[in-house]
C-alpha atoms as a PDB file:
ATOM      1  CA  MET A   1      21.101   2.322  87.841  1.00  0.00           C
ATOM      2  CA  THR A   2      17.469   2.965  86.984  1.00  0.00           C
ATOM      3  CA  ARG A   3      16.649   3.707  90.622  1.00  0.00           C
ATOM      4  CA  ASN A   4      19.560   6.145  90.975  1.00  0.00           C
ATOM      5  CA  VAL A   5      18.871   8.036  87.764  1.00  0.00           C
ATOM      6  CA  TYR A   6      15.251   7.778  86.637  1.00  0.00           C
ATOM      7  CA  HIS A   7      13.314   6.961  89.802  1.00  0.00           C
ATOM      8  CA  ARG A   8      14.096  10.010  91.874  1.00  0.00           C
ATOM      9  CA  GLY A   9      11.589  12.249  93.674  1.00  0.00           C
ATOM     10  CA  SER A  10      10.113  13.745  90.508  1.00  0.00           C
ATOM     11  CA  HIS A  11      10.428  13.798  86.741  1.00  0.00           C
ATOM     12  CA  MET A  12      12.337  17.065  87.067  1.00  0.00           C
ATOM     13  CA  GLU A  13      14.898  15.431  89.358  1.00  0.00           C
ATOM     14  CA  GLY A  14      15.324  12.650  86.821  1.00  0.00           C
ATOM     15  CA  THR A  15      16.212  15.217  84.173  1.00  0.00           C
ATOM     16  CA  VAL A  16      18.921  16.695  86.395  1.00  0.00           C
ATOM     17  CA  ALA A  17      20.132  13.188  87.276  1.00  0.00           C
ATOM     18  CA  LEU A  18      20.589  12.433  83.577  1.00  0.00           C
ATOM     19  CA  LYS A  19      22.827  15.485  83.301  1.00  0.00           C
ATOM     20  CA  GLU A  20      24.811  14.280  86.325  1.00  0.00           C
ATOM     21  CA  GLY A  21      25.236  10.957  84.545  1.00  0.00           C
ATOM     22  CA  LEU A  22      26.549  12.700  81.446  1.00  0.00           C
ATOM     23  CA  VAL A  23      29.059  14.559  83.619  1.00  0.00           C
ATOM     24  CA  ALA A  24      30.140  11.294  85.251  1.00  0.00           C
ATOM     25  CA  ARG A  25      30.730   9.791  81.804  1.00  0.00           C
ATOM     26  CA  GLY A  26      32.754  12.787  80.631  1.00  0.00           C
ATOM     27  CA  ILE A  27      30.216  13.945  78.050  1.00  0.00           C
ATOM     28  CA  LEU A  28      29.276  17.210  79.784  1.00  0.00           C
ATOM     29  CA  GLU A  29      31.602  19.426  81.799  1.00  0.00           C
ATOM     30  CA  HIS A  30      28.985  20.370  84.407  1.00  0.00           C
ATOM     31  CA  ALA A  31      25.370  19.660  85.325  1.00  0.00           C
ATOM     32  CA  THR A  32      24.275  23.257  85.768  1.00  0.00           C
ATOM     33  CA  VAL A  33      20.507  23.674  85.492  1.00  0.00           C
ATOM     34  CA  ARG A  34      18.192  26.669  85.165  1.00  0.00           C
ATOM     35  CA  PRO A  35      14.915  27.264  86.997  1.00  0.00           C
ATOM     36  CA  PRO A  36      12.524  25.643  87.487  1.00  0.00           C
ATOM     37  CA  LEU A  37      15.034  22.770  87.765  1.00  0.00           C
ATOM     38  CA  LEU A  38      17.108  22.597  90.929  1.00  0.00           C
ATOM     39  CA  PRO A  39      20.451  20.909  91.602  1.00  0.00           C
ATOM     40  CA  LEU A  40      20.269  17.483  93.206  1.00  0.00           C
ATOM     41  CA  ALA A  41      21.057  16.976  96.875  1.00  0.00           C
ATOM     42  CA  GLU A  42      24.697  16.760  97.889  1.00  0.00           C
ATOM     43  CA  GLY A  43      26.082  13.303  97.188  1.00  0.00           C
ATOM     44  CA  ALA A  44      23.573  12.478  94.447  1.00  0.00           C
ATOM     45  CA  GLY A  45      26.212  12.912  91.752  1.00  0.00           C
ATOM     46  CA  ASP A  46      28.405  10.360  93.516  1.00  0.00           C
ATOM     47  CA  GLU A  47      25.475   7.904  93.744  1.00  0.00           C
ATOM     48  CA  ILE A  48      24.822   8.278  90.025  1.00  0.00           C
ATOM     49  CA  ALA A  49      28.507   7.895  89.136  1.00  0.00           C
ATOM     50  CA  GLN A  50      28.677   4.716  91.248  1.00  0.00           C
ATOM     51  CA  ALA A  51      25.549   3.331  89.575  1.00  0.00           C
ATOM     52  CA  LEU A  52      27.086   3.945  86.147  1.00  0.00           C
ATOM     53  CA  LYS A  53      30.320   2.286  87.253  1.00  0.00           C
ATOM     54  CA  SER A  54      28.388  -0.732  88.580  1.00  0.00           C
ATOM     55  CA  ALA A  55      26.657  -1.008  85.198  1.00  0.00           C
ATOM     56  CA  ASN A  56      30.056  -0.899  83.447  1.00  0.00           C
ATOM     57  CA  LEU A  57      29.203   2.442  81.853  1.00  0.00           C
ATOM     58  CA  GLY A  58      32.456   4.292  82.329  1.00  0.00           C
ATOM     59  CA  SER A  59      33.852   7.456  80.843  1.00  0.00           C
ATOM     60  CA  VAL A  60      33.778   8.055  77.127  1.00  0.00           C
ATOM     61  CA  THR A  61      35.928  10.218  74.893  1.00  0.00           C
ATOM     62  CA  VAL A  62      33.928  12.828  73.030  1.00  0.00           C
ATOM     63  CA  PRO A  63      35.555  14.096  69.838  1.00  0.00           C
ATOM     64  CA  ALA A  64      36.173  17.842  69.802  1.00  0.00           C
END
Protein backbone atom coordinates (compact mmCIF):
# COMPACT_ATOMS: atom_id res chain seq x y z
CA MET A 1 0.00 0.00 0.00
CA THR A 2 2.81 2.40 0.81
CA ARG A 3 4.23 2.07 -2.70
CA ASN A 4 0.85 2.71 -4.33
CA VAL A 5 -0.04 5.72 -2.21
CA TYR A 6 3.01 7.47 -0.77
CA HIS A 7 5.87 6.49 -3.08
CA ARG A 8 4.63 7.94 -6.33
CA GLY A 9 6.56 10.23 -8.69
CA SER A 10 6.53 13.24 -6.37
CA HIS A 11 5.24 14.49 -3.04
CA MET A 12 2.46 16.26 -4.92
CA GLU A 13 1.33 12.99 -6.50
CA GLY A 14 1.27 11.41 -3.05
CA THR A 15 -1.12 14.10 -1.87
CA VAL A 16 -3.50 13.36 -4.75
CA ALA A 17 -3.12 9.62 -4.13
CA LEU A 18 -4.23 10.13 -0.52
CA LYS A 19 -7.39 11.79 -1.80
CA GLU A 20 -7.96 8.85 -4.17
CA GLY A 21 -7.63 6.56 -1.16
CA LEU A 22 -10.23 8.55 0.74
CA VAL A 23 -12.58 8.23 -2.24
CA ALA A 24 -11.97 4.47 -2.38
CA ARG A 25 -12.87 4.21 1.31
CA GLY A 26 -16.05 6.24 0.88
CA ILE A 27 -14.85 9.22 2.91
CA LEU A 28 -14.71 11.71 0.03
CA GLU A 29 -17.06 11.82 -2.95
CA HIS A 30 -14.36 12.79 -5.46
CA ALA A 31 -10.62 13.43 -5.65
CA THR A 32 -10.79 16.72 -7.52
CA VAL A 33 -7.63 18.79 -7.11
CA ARG A 34 -6.69 22.38 -7.91
CA PRO A 35 -3.48 23.63 -9.52
CA PRO A 36 -0.63 23.14 -9.04
CA LEU A 37 -1.80 19.58 -8.27
CA LEU A 38 -2.78 17.41 -11.21
CA PRO A 39 -5.01 14.33 -11.38
CA LEU A 40 -3.21 11.00 -11.32
CA ALA A 41 -2.79 8.92 -14.46
CA GLU A 42 -5.71 6.81 -15.60
CA GLY A 43 -5.92 3.60 -13.59
CA ALA A 44 -4.09 4.98 -10.55
CA GLY A 45 -7.32 5.17 -8.56
CA ASP A 46 -7.92 1.48 -9.23
CA GLU A 47 -4.36 0.63 -8.11
CA ILE A 48 -4.88 2.55 -4.88
CA ALA A 49 -8.29 0.97 -4.24
CA GLN A 50 -6.76 -2.50 -4.77
CA ALA A 51 -3.90 -1.70 -2.39
CA LEU A 52 -6.39 -0.62 0.28
CA LYS A 53 -8.42 -3.79 -0.28
CA SER A 54 -5.27 -5.93 0.01
CA ALA A 55 -4.50 -4.20 3.32
CA ASN A 56 -8.05 -4.95 4.54
CA LEU A 57 -8.88 -1.24 4.59
CA GLY A 58 -12.34 -1.28 3.07
CA SER A 59 -15.10 1.28 2.90
CA VAL A 60 -16.21 3.14 5.98
CA THR A 61 -19.49 4.80 6.85
CA VAL A 62 -19.10 8.49 7.57
CA PRO A 63 -21.84 9.99 9.73
CA ALA A 64 -23.73 12.84 8.08
